[in-house]
């Protein structure tokens, strides 16, 4: 997925311009571009972390980013299934509902 440096600015820059700048330029501009991991691997790590920490607000965006970065739907579902044993059934169940919505949105 090509990075769009103004994504956070468009989402919440009106209320938190500094946070939007850090998000666009540092997080997605510097951290996500480091050569140590591929964007695909960063997406897998990020989605796993968001599922495990029960962070449903950010999960839809990062599921979409993972798909754009080459992670398959089957791999995402396997990730969520695997995490059910480590982060708990409620985190996995919630993540599956969010994944269903993201996939449906992509099919529309």
C-alpha atoms as a PDB file:
ATOM      1  CA  UNK A   1       0.000   0.000   0.000  1.00  0.00           C
ATOM      2  CA  UNK A   2       1.394   3.329  -0.947  1.00  0.00           C
ATOM      3  CA  UNK A   3       1.707   5.554   2.077  1.00  0.00           C
ATOM      4  CA  UNK A   4      -0.461   8.613   2.016  1.00  0.00           C
ATOM      5  CA  UNK A   5       1.300  11.120   4.262  1.00  0.00           C
ATOM      6  CA  UNK A   6      -1.854  13.065   5.038  1.00  0.00           C
ATOM      7  CA  UNK A   7      -4.073  10.224   6.264  1.00  0.00           C
ATOM      8  CA  UNK A   8      -3.935  11.201   9.947  1.00  0.00           C
ATOM      9  CA  UNK A   9      -4.153  14.887   9.114  1.00  0.00           C
ATOM     10  CA  UNK A  10      -7.406  14.184   7.298  1.00  0.00           C
ATOM     11  CA  UNK A  11      -8.711  11.931  10.088  1.00  0.00           C
ATOM     12  CA  UNK A  12      -7.981  14.036  13.164  1.00  0.00           C
ATOM     13  CA  UNK A  13      -5.624  16.853  12.249  1.00  0.00           C
ATOM     14  CA  UNK A  14      -8.300  19.427  12.959  1.00  0.00           C
ATOM     15  CA  UNK A  15      -8.354  18.533  16.651  1.00  0.00           C
ATOM     16  CA  UNK A  16      -4.824  17.149  17.170  1.00  0.00           C
ATOM     17  CA  UNK A  17      -2.497  18.579  14.538  1.00  0.00           C
ATOM     18  CA  UNK A  18       0.707  17.575  16.337  1.00  0.00           C
ATOM     19  CA  UNK A  19      -0.450  13.979  16.775  1.00  0.00           C
ATOM     20  CA  UNK A  20      -1.511  13.869  13.130  1.00  0.00           C
ATOM     21  CA  UNK A  21       1.915  15.117  12.095  1.00  0.00           C
ATOM     22  CA  UNK A  22       3.706  12.516  14.249  1.00  0.00           C
ATOM     23  CA  UNK A  23       1.429   9.795  12.893  1.00  0.00           C
ATOM     24  CA  UNK A  24       1.900  10.734   9.246  1.00  0.00           C
ATOM     25  CA  UNK A  25       5.574  11.634   9.318  1.00  0.00           C
ATOM     26  CA  UNK A  26       7.152   9.627  12.133  1.00  0.00           C
ATOM     27  CA  UNK A  27       5.018   6.499  12.481  1.00  0.00           C
ATOM     28  CA  UNK A  28       4.089   5.896   8.846  1.00  0.00           C
ATOM     29  CA  UNK A  29       6.874   7.978   7.327  1.00  0.00           C
ATOM     30  CA  UNK A  30       9.881   6.758   9.331  1.00  0.00           C
ATOM     31  CA  UNK A  31       8.984   3.718  11.430  1.00  0.00           C
ATOM     32  CA  UNK A  32       7.003   1.850   8.769  1.00  0.00           C
ATOM     33  CA  UNK A  33       9.729   2.560   6.200  1.00  0.00           C
ATOM     34  CA  UNK A  34      12.610   1.084   8.202  1.00  0.00           C
ATOM     35  CA  UNK A  35      14.339  -1.697   6.259  1.00  0.00           C
ATOM     36  CA  UNK A  36      14.384  -4.273   9.093  1.00  0.00           C
ATOM     37  CA  UNK A  37      10.903  -5.643   8.315  1.00  0.00           C
ATOM     38  CA  UNK A  38       8.847  -5.663   5.170  1.00  0.00           C
ATOM     39  CA  UNK A  39       5.546  -3.751   5.156  1.00  0.00           C
ATOM     40  CA  UNK A  40       3.810  -7.165   5.065  1.00  0.00           C
ATOM     41  CA  UNK A  41       5.610  -8.309   8.208  1.00  0.00           C
ATOM     42  CA  UNK A  42       4.941  -4.992   9.942  1.00  0.00           C
ATOM     43  CA  UNK A  43       1.265  -5.433   9.139  1.00  0.00           C
ATOM     44  CA  UNK A  44       1.212  -8.935  10.652  1.00  0.00           C
ATOM     45  CA  UNK A  45       2.898  -7.697  13.821  1.00  0.00           C
ATOM     46  CA  UNK A  46       0.615  -4.679  14.063  1.00  0.00           C
ATOM     47  CA  UNK A  47      -2.616  -6.619  13.511  1.00  0.00           C
ATOM     48  CA  UNK A  48      -1.535  -9.255  16.043  1.00  0.00           C
ATOM     49  CA  UNK A  49      -0.773  -6.552  18.603  1.00  0.00           C
ATOM     50  CA  UNK A  50      -4.079  -4.773  18.039  1.00  0.00           C
ATOM     51  CA  UNK A  51      -6.050  -8.021  18.336  1.00  0.00           C
ATOM     52  CA  UNK A  52      -4.203  -9.061  21.505  1.00  0.00           C
ATOM     53  CA  UNK A  53      -4.670  -5.649  23.122  1.00  0.00           C
ATOM     54  CA  UNK A  54      -8.370  -5.479  22.184  1.00  0.00           C
ATOM     55  CA  UNK A  55      -7.870  -2.308  20.132  1.00  0.00           C
ATOM     56  CA  UNK A  56     -10.929  -2.369  17.906  1.00  0.00           C
ATOM     57  CA  UNK A  57     -10.707   1.298  16.938  1.00  0.00           C
ATOM     58  CA  UNK A  58      -7.463   0.920  14.962  1.00  0.00           C
ATOM     59  CA  UNK A  59      -8.033  -2.658  13.790  1.00  0.00           C
ATOM     60  CA  UNK A  60     -10.170  -1.927  10.695  1.00  0.00           C
ATOM     61  CA  UNK A  61      -7.557   0.429   9.254  1.00  0.00           C
ATOM     62  CA  UNK A  62      -4.725  -2.021   9.898  1.00  0.00           C
ATOM     63  CA  UNK A  63      -6.612  -5.028   8.553  1.00  0.00           C
ATOM     64  CA  UNK A  64      -7.076  -3.065   5.333  1.00  0.00           C
ATOM     65  CA  UNK A  65      -3.435  -2.025   5.339  1.00  0.00           C
ATOM     66  CA  UNK A  66      -2.425  -5.666   5.853  1.00  0.00           C
ATOM     67  CA  UNK A  67      -4.495  -6.713   2.848  1.00  0.00           C
ATOM     68  CA  UNK A  68      -2.898  -3.936   0.818  1.00  0.00           C
ATOM     69  CA  UNK A  69       0.530  -5.119   1.993  1.00  0.00           C
ATOM     70  CA  UNK A  70      -0.047  -8.649   0.692  1.00  0.00           C
ATOM     71  CA  UNK A  71      -1.422 -10.476   3.736  1.00  0.00           C
ATOM     72  CA  UNK A  72      -4.275 -12.733   2.637  1.00  0.00           C
ATOM     73  CA  UNK A  73      -7.675 -12.925   4.275  1.00  0.00           C
ATOM     74  CA  UNK A  74      -6.946 -16.549   5.190  1.00  0.00           C
ATOM     75  CA  UNK A  75      -3.714 -15.504   6.896  1.00  0.00           C
ATOM     76  CA  UNK A  76      -5.504 -12.811   8.877  1.00  0.00           C
ATOM     77  CA  UNK A  77      -8.156 -15.268  10.025  1.00  0.00           C
ATOM     78  CA  UNK A  78      -5.443 -17.760  10.979  1.00  0.00           C
ATOM     79  CA  UNK A  79      -3.659 -15.034  12.937  1.00  0.00           C
ATOM     80  CA  UNK A  80      -6.865 -14.235  14.827  1.00  0.00           C
ATOM     81  CA  UNK A  81      -7.595 -17.926  15.456  1.00  0.00           C
ATOM     82  CA  UNK A  82      -4.071 -18.472  16.777  1.00  0.00           C
ATOM     83  CA  UNK A  83      -4.365 -15.482  19.089  1.00  0.00           C
ATOM     84  CA  UNK A  84      -7.556 -16.838  20.646  1.00  0.00           C
ATOM     85  CA  UNK A  85      -5.293 -19.150  22.645  1.00  0.00           C
ATOM     86  CA  UNK A  86      -2.931 -16.387  23.717  1.00  0.00           C
ATOM     87  CA  UNK A  87      -5.021 -13.252  24.074  1.00  0.00           C
ATOM     88  CA  UNK A  88      -8.386 -14.875  24.779  1.00  0.00           C
ATOM     89  CA  UNK A  89     -11.599 -15.788  23.048  1.00  0.00           C
ATOM     90  CA  UNK A  90     -13.205 -12.340  23.460  1.00  0.00           C
ATOM     91  CA  UNK A  91     -10.325 -10.601  21.666  1.00  0.00           C
ATOM     92  CA  UNK A  92     -10.483 -13.118  18.806  1.00  0.00           C
ATOM     93  CA  UNK A  93     -14.265 -13.019  18.585  1.00  0.00           C
ATOM     94  CA  UNK A  94     -14.271  -9.233  18.438  1.00  0.00           C
ATOM     95  CA  UNK A  95     -11.490  -9.223  15.841  1.00  0.00           C
ATOM     96  CA  UNK A  96     -13.401 -11.694  13.665  1.00  0.00           C
ATOM     97  CA  UNK A  97     -16.424  -9.421  13.613  1.00  0.00           C
ATOM     98  CA  UNK A  98     -14.244  -6.497  12.602  1.00  0.00           C
ATOM     99  CA  UNK A  99     -12.483  -8.584   9.935  1.00  0.00           C
ATOM    100  CA  UNK A 100     -15.857  -9.621   8.536  1.00  0.00           C
ATOM    101  CA  UNK A 101     -16.829  -5.958   8.165  1.00  0.00           C
ATOM    102  CA  UNK A 102     -13.504  -5.023   6.544  1.00  0.00           C
ATOM    103  CA  UNK A 103     -13.728  -7.924   4.082  1.00  0.00           C
ATOM    104  CA  UNK A 104     -17.353  -7.094   3.255  1.00  0.00           C
ATOM    105  CA  UNK A 105     -16.397  -3.481   2.637  1.00  0.00           C
ATOM    106  CA  UNK A 106     -13.731  -4.630   0.220  1.00  0.00           C
ATOM    107  CA  UNK A 107     -16.227  -6.849  -1.626  1.00  0.00           C
ATOM    108  CA  UNK A 108     -18.794  -4.064  -2.044  1.00  0.00           C
END
